[in-house]
Amino acid sequence: MDEDEESLLMRMKELALKRGYSWVKCLSEEELAQAEALLGFPLPLLLKRIYLEVGEGAFGLSPLSQEQWTGLEMPLVESYIGLRSESEEDEKRECSWPEKLLILYDWGCNIYSCVDCASPGQRVVRNDNNRDPDAYALEAPSLQQWLQALLDGVLLHFDWDTAEKVPF
């Protein structure tokens, strides 16, 4: 983990205290390992550290488990497994939910920020089902940059029409 990621984690911890995220629970190594086993692949190291050190569901990030689910966002593991299952069962559909693409943030109205765990920097893409359920636009080239933008409020000004569309 580099210095910028360490700094980002420290900022998240400080902001979590300041914002009173007392309801946010840090996961144990065992809980994280169970989630990864269900997913079938490892989570990005930075995301793991957020769940372990900052807390599950902090800053609106999708919780890993049903336990922290508030009803506003679907738990990360369950949403991924469900979307992949639907994709495999629906042979009529040309596109399917990409492997290792996790819904990280729910903007409401069927709009999601998703981390691509298969890409080297864990890029983050937006999926807007109101526009096209099988289209993705780049929000940030890395999870770290996306988290920084989230904390800075920059992502609120995302423009689908001008954003770079990325294939899966």
C-alpha atoms as a PDB file:
ATOM      1  CA  MET A   1       0.000   0.000   0.000  1.00  0.00           C
ATOM      2  CA  ASP A   2       1.478   3.331  -1.014  1.00  0.00           C
ATOM      3  CA  GLU A   3       1.606   6.593   0.919  1.00  0.00           C
ATOM      4  CA  ASP A   4      -1.386   8.097  -0.925  1.00  0.00           C
ATOM      5  CA  GLU A   5      -3.562   5.111  -0.030  1.00  0.00           C
ATOM      6  CA  GLU A   6      -2.443   5.300   3.609  1.00  0.00           C
ATOM      7  CA  SER A   7      -3.299   8.994   3.639  1.00  0.00           C
ATOM      8  CA  LEU A   8      -6.711   8.267   2.110  1.00  0.00           C
ATOM      9  CA  LEU A   9      -7.451   5.625   4.760  1.00  0.00           C
ATOM     10  CA  MET A  10      -6.452   8.037   7.539  1.00  0.00           C
ATOM     11  CA  ARG A  11      -8.747  10.691   6.071  1.00  0.00           C
ATOM     12  CA  MET A  12     -11.617   8.218   5.873  1.00  0.00           C
ATOM     13  CA  LYS A  13     -11.104   7.161   9.507  1.00  0.00           C
ATOM     14  CA  GLU A  14     -11.042  10.785  10.672  1.00  0.00           C
ATOM     15  CA  LEU A  15     -14.129  11.707   8.653  1.00  0.00           C
ATOM     16  CA  ALA A  16     -15.992   8.618   9.897  1.00  0.00           C
ATOM     17  CA  LEU A  17     -15.403   9.757  13.491  1.00  0.00           C
ATOM     18  CA  LYS A  18     -16.307  13.345  12.687  1.00  0.00           C
ATOM     19  CA  ARG A  19     -19.512  12.348  10.888  1.00  0.00           C
ATOM     20  CA  GLY A  20     -20.554  10.029  13.711  1.00  0.00           C
ATOM     21  CA  TYR A  21     -20.618   6.731  11.849  1.00  0.00           C
ATOM     22  CA  SER A  22     -21.100   4.873  15.132  1.00  0.00           C
ATOM     23  CA  TRP A  23     -23.381   2.360  13.367  1.00  0.00           C
ATOM     24  CA  VAL A  24     -20.520   1.314  11.058  1.00  0.00           C
ATOM     25  CA  LYS A  25     -18.877  -1.947  12.097  1.00  0.00           C
ATOM     26  CA  CYS A  26     -15.409  -3.042  11.014  1.00  0.00           C
ATOM     27  CA  LEU A  27     -15.314  -6.550   9.612  1.00  0.00           C
ATOM     28  CA  SER A  28     -13.089  -9.308  10.908  1.00  0.00           C
ATOM     29  CA  GLU A  29     -10.547 -11.113   8.724  1.00  0.00           C
ATOM     30  CA  GLU A  30     -12.815 -14.179   8.876  1.00  0.00           C
ATOM     31  CA  GLU A  31     -15.876 -12.265   7.623  1.00  0.00           C
ATOM     32  CA  LEU A  32     -13.840 -10.792   4.798  1.00  0.00           C
ATOM     33  CA  ALA A  33     -12.453 -14.214   3.856  1.00  0.00           C
ATOM     34  CA  GLN A  34     -16.002 -15.635   3.786  1.00  0.00           C
ATOM     35  CA  ALA A  35     -17.150 -12.846   1.472  1.00  0.00           C
ATOM     36  CA  GLU A  36     -14.221 -13.427  -0.878  1.00  0.00           C
ATOM     37  CA  ALA A  37     -14.932 -17.165  -0.900  1.00  0.00           C
ATOM     38  CA  LEU A  38     -18.540 -16.499  -1.904  1.00  0.00           C
ATOM     39  CA  LEU A  39     -17.426 -14.072  -4.622  1.00  0.00           C
ATOM     40  CA  GLY A  40     -14.780 -16.469  -5.911  1.00  0.00           C
ATOM     41  CA  PHE A  41     -12.062 -13.821  -6.142  1.00  0.00           C
ATOM     42  CA  PRO A  42     -10.184 -11.435  -3.823  1.00  0.00           C
ATOM     43  CA  LEU A  43     -11.331  -7.893  -3.192  1.00  0.00           C
ATOM     44  CA  PRO A  44      -8.910  -5.058  -3.985  1.00  0.00           C
ATOM     45  CA  LEU A  45      -6.514  -4.491  -1.063  1.00  0.00           C
ATOM     46  CA  LEU A  46      -7.690  -0.904  -0.518  1.00  0.00           C
ATOM     47  CA  LEU A  47     -11.331  -1.989  -0.343  1.00  0.00           C
ATOM     48  CA  LYS A  48     -10.408  -4.777   2.084  1.00  0.00           C
ATOM     49  CA  ARG A  49      -8.684  -2.286   4.340  1.00  0.00           C
ATOM     50  CA  ILE A  50     -11.725   0.004   4.286  1.00  0.00           C
ATOM     51  CA  TYR A  51     -13.986  -2.846   5.400  1.00  0.00           C
ATOM     52  CA  LEU A  52     -11.458  -3.950   8.049  1.00  0.00           C
ATOM     53  CA  GLU A  53     -10.329  -0.546   9.372  1.00  0.00           C
ATOM     54  CA  VAL A  54     -12.963   2.081   8.519  1.00  0.00           C
ATOM     55  CA  GLY A  55     -16.130   0.001   8.534  1.00  0.00           C
ATOM     56  CA  GLU A  56     -18.704  -1.785   6.453  1.00  0.00           C
ATOM     57  CA  GLY A  57     -21.090   0.626   4.730  1.00  0.00           C
ATOM     58  CA  ALA A  58     -19.084   3.760   5.583  1.00  0.00           C
ATOM     59  CA  PHE A  59     -19.521   6.710   3.215  1.00  0.00           C
ATOM     60  CA  GLY A  60     -22.373   4.943   1.457  1.00  0.00           C
ATOM     61  CA  LEU A  61     -20.168   2.136   0.144  1.00  0.00           C
ATOM     62  CA  SER A  62     -22.056  -1.105  -0.346  1.00  0.00           C
ATOM     63  CA  PRO A  63     -21.920  -3.305   2.742  1.00  0.00           C
ATOM     64  CA  LEU A  64     -20.505  -6.784   2.226  1.00  0.00           C
ATOM     65  CA  SER A  65     -23.131  -8.573   4.251  1.00  0.00           C
ATOM     66  CA  GLN A  66     -26.842  -8.640   4.898  1.00  0.00           C
ATOM     67  CA  GLU A  67     -26.144  -7.680   8.538  1.00  0.00           C
ATOM     68  CA  GLN A  68     -25.203  -4.060   7.757  1.00  0.00           C
ATOM     69  CA  TRP A  69     -27.787  -3.698   5.005  1.00  0.00           C
ATOM     70  CA  THR A  70     -29.983  -0.644   5.569  1.00  0.00           C
ATOM     71  CA  GLY A  71     -32.437  -1.420   2.790  1.00  0.00           C
ATOM     72  CA  LEU A  72     -31.045   1.386   0.637  1.00  0.00           C
ATOM     73  CA  GLU A  73     -28.290  -0.543  -1.054  1.00  0.00           C
ATOM     74  CA  MET A  74     -27.962  -4.220  -1.818  1.00  0.00           C
ATOM     75  CA  PRO A  75     -25.121  -6.027  -0.044  1.00  0.00           C
ATOM     76  CA  LEU A  76     -22.111  -6.321  -2.344  1.00  0.00           C
ATOM     77  CA  VAL A  77     -21.790 -10.116  -2.261  1.00  0.00           C
ATOM     78  CA  GLU A  78     -25.494 -10.838  -2.747  1.00  0.00           C
ATOM     79  CA  SER A  79     -25.859  -8.310  -5.566  1.00  0.00           C
ATOM     80  CA  TYR A  80     -22.881  -9.745  -7.462  1.00  0.00           C
ATOM     81  CA  ILE A  81     -23.999 -13.356  -7.092  1.00  0.00           C
ATOM     82  CA  GLY A  82     -27.542 -12.429  -8.120  1.00  0.00           C
ATOM     83  CA  LEU A  83     -26.466 -10.441 -11.166  1.00  0.00           C
ATOM     84  CA  ARG A  84     -24.076 -13.171 -12.331  1.00  0.00           C
ATOM     85  CA  SER A  85     -26.765 -15.830 -11.843  1.00  0.00           C
ATOM     86  CA  GLU A  86     -29.290 -13.819 -13.862  1.00  0.00           C
ATOM     87  CA  SER A  87     -26.703 -13.339 -16.608  1.00  0.00           C
ATOM     88  CA  GLU A  88     -25.985 -17.062 -16.831  1.00  0.00           C
ATOM     89  CA  GLU A  89     -29.682 -18.021 -16.823  1.00  0.00           C
ATOM     90  CA  ASP A  90     -30.806 -15.442 -19.395  1.00  0.00           C
ATOM     91  CA  GLU A  91     -29.392 -16.812 -22.642  1.00  0.00           C
ATOM     92  CA  LYS A  92     -31.505 -14.415 -24.741  1.00  0.00           C
ATOM     93  CA  ARG A  93     -29.590 -11.429 -23.468  1.00  0.00           C
ATOM     94  CA  GLU A  94     -26.600 -10.481 -25.584  1.00  0.00           C
ATOM     95  CA  CYS A  95     -24.727  -8.880 -22.711  1.00  0.00           C
ATOM     96  CA  SER A  96     -24.414 -10.106 -19.172  1.00  0.00           C
ATOM     97  CA  TRP A  97     -23.114  -8.733 -15.909  1.00  0.00           C
ATOM     98  CA  PRO A  98     -19.314  -8.729 -16.220  1.00  0.00           C
ATOM     99  CA  GLU A  99     -17.174 -11.016 -14.098  1.00  0.00           C
ATOM    100  CA  LYS A 100     -15.477  -9.363 -11.126  1.00  0.00           C
ATOM    101  CA  LEU A 101     -17.550  -6.169 -11.447  1.00  0.00           C
ATOM    102  CA  LEU A 102     -18.930  -5.216  -8.033  1.00  0.00           C
ATOM    103  CA  ILE A 103     -21.548  -2.584  -7.253  1.00  0.00           C
ATOM    104  CA  LEU A 104     -19.701  -0.300  -4.893  1.00  0.00           C
ATOM    105  CA  TYR A 105     -22.112   2.621  -4.595  1.00  0.00           C
ATOM    106  CA  ASP A 106     -25.823   3.024  -5.279  1.00  0.00           C
ATOM    107  CA  TRP A 107     -26.746   6.519  -6.520  1.00  0.00           C
ATOM    108  CA  GLY A 108     -30.448   5.607  -6.584  1.00  0.00           C
ATOM    109  CA  CYS A 109     -32.732   5.308  -9.623  1.00  0.00           C
ATOM    110  CA  ASN A 110     -30.823   2.259 -10.955  1.00  0.00           C
ATOM    111  CA  ILE A 111     -27.505   4.104 -11.231  1.00  0.00           C
ATOM    112  CA  TYR A 112     -24.411   2.415  -9.785  1.00  0.00           C
ATOM    113  CA  SER A 113     -20.695   2.959  -9.379  1.00  0.00           C
ATOM    114  CA  CYS A 114     -18.919  -0.347  -9.846  1.00  0.00           C
ATOM    115  CA  VAL A 115     -15.352  -1.397  -9.131  1.00  0.00           C
ATOM    116  CA  ASP A 116     -13.745  -3.553 -11.807  1.00  0.00           C
ATOM    117  CA  CYS A 117     -11.726  -6.046  -9.774  1.00  0.00           C
ATOM    118  CA  ALA A 118     -10.324  -7.544 -12.993  1.00  0.00           C
ATOM    119  CA  SER A 119      -8.578  -4.330 -14.067  1.00  0.00           C
ATOM    120  CA  PRO A 120      -5.036  -3.604 -12.779  1.00  0.00           C
ATOM    121  CA  GLY A 121      -5.900  -0.341 -11.002  1.00  0.00           C
ATOM    122  CA  GLN A 122      -9.413  -1.453 -10.092  1.00  0.00           C
ATOM    123  CA  ARG A 123     -11.029   1.194 -12.271  1.00  0.00           C
ATOM    124  CA  VAL A 124     -14.478   2.417 -11.273  1.00  0.00           C
ATOM    125  CA  VAL A 125     -17.249   2.641 -13.849  1.00  0.00           C
ATOM    126  CA  ARG A 126     -20.812   3.915 -13.740  1.00  0.00           C
ATOM    127  CA  ASN A 127     -23.707   1.752 -14.864  1.00  0.00           C
ATOM    128  CA  ASP A 128     -26.865   3.760 -15.569  1.00  0.00           C
ATOM    129  CA  ASN A 129     -29.736   1.373 -16.262  1.00  0.00           C
ATOM    130  CA  ASN A 130     -31.919   4.298 -17.326  1.00  0.00           C
ATOM    131  CA  ARG A 131     -29.582   4.945 -20.262  1.00  0.00           C
ATOM    132  CA  ASP A 132     -28.424   1.428 -21.133  1.00  0.00           C
ATOM    133  CA  PRO A 133     -28.102  -1.476 -18.679  1.00  0.00           C
ATOM    134  CA  ASP A 134     -25.167  -2.884 -20.631  1.00  0.00           C
ATOM    135  CA  ALA A 135     -23.184   0.356 -20.988  1.00  0.00           C
ATOM    136  CA  TYR A 136     -20.464   1.565 -18.635  1.00  0.00           C
ATOM    137  CA  ALA A 137     -18.774   4.956 -18.341  1.00  0.00           C
ATOM    138  CA  LEU A 138     -15.427   5.534 -16.665  1.00  0.00           C
ATOM    139  CA  GLU A 139     -15.683   7.420 -13.372  1.00  0.00           C
ATOM    140  CA  ALA A 140     -12.059   6.987 -12.280  1.00  0.00           C
ATOM    141  CA  PRO A 141      -9.067   4.990 -13.532  1.00  0.00           C
ATOM    142  CA  SER A 142      -8.483   3.586 -10.030  1.00  0.00           C
ATOM    143  CA  LEU A 143     -10.406   2.820  -6.868  1.00  0.00           C
ATOM    144  CA  GLN A 144      -8.120   5.157  -4.947  1.00  0.00           C
ATOM    145  CA  GLN A 145      -8.878   8.099  -7.267  1.00  0.00           C
ATOM    146  CA  TRP A 146     -12.592   7.323  -7.129  1.00  0.00           C
ATOM    147  CA  LEU A 147     -12.611   7.273  -3.318  1.00  0.00           C
ATOM    148  CA  GLN A 148     -10.752  10.584  -3.233  1.00  0.00           C
ATOM    149  CA  ALA A 149     -13.318  12.100  -5.604  1.00  0.00           C
ATOM    150  CA  LEU A 150     -16.158  10.673  -3.483  1.00  0.00           C
ATOM    151  CA  LEU A 151     -14.768  12.265  -0.329  1.00  0.00           C
ATOM    152  CA  ASP A 152     -14.222  15.559  -2.184  1.00  0.00           C
ATOM    153  CA  GLY A 153     -17.790  15.565  -3.575  1.00  0.00           C
ATOM    154  CA  VAL A 154     -16.554  15.598  -7.190  1.00  0.00           C
ATOM    155  CA  LEU A 155     -18.598  12.558  -8.256  1.00  0.00           C
ATOM    156  CA  LEU A 156     -21.817  14.467  -7.763  1.00  0.00           C
ATOM    157  CA  HIS A 157     -21.058  16.308 -11.006  1.00  0.00           C
ATOM    158  CA  PHE A 158     -20.680  13.225 -13.229  1.00  0.00           C
ATOM    159  CA  ASP A 159     -21.820  13.743 -16.830  1.00  0.00           C
ATOM    160  CA  TRP A 160     -22.794  10.490 -18.573  1.00  0.00           C
ATOM    161  CA  ASP A 161     -22.878  12.086 -22.023  1.00  0.00           C
ATOM    162  CA  THR A 162     -19.281  13.304 -21.960  1.00  0.00           C
ATOM    163  CA  ALA A 163     -17.761  10.425 -19.935  1.00  0.00           C
ATOM    164  CA  GLU A 164     -15.591   7.853 -21.695  1.00  0.00           C
ATOM    165  CA  LYS A 165     -17.567   4.660 -22.318  1.00  0.00           C
ATOM    166  CA  VAL A 166     -15.699   1.453 -21.537  1.00  0.00           C
ATOM    167  CA  PRO A 167     -16.315  -2.029 -22.943  1.00  0.00           C
ATOM    168  CA  PHE A 168     -16.627  -5.271 -20.998  1.00  0.00           C
END
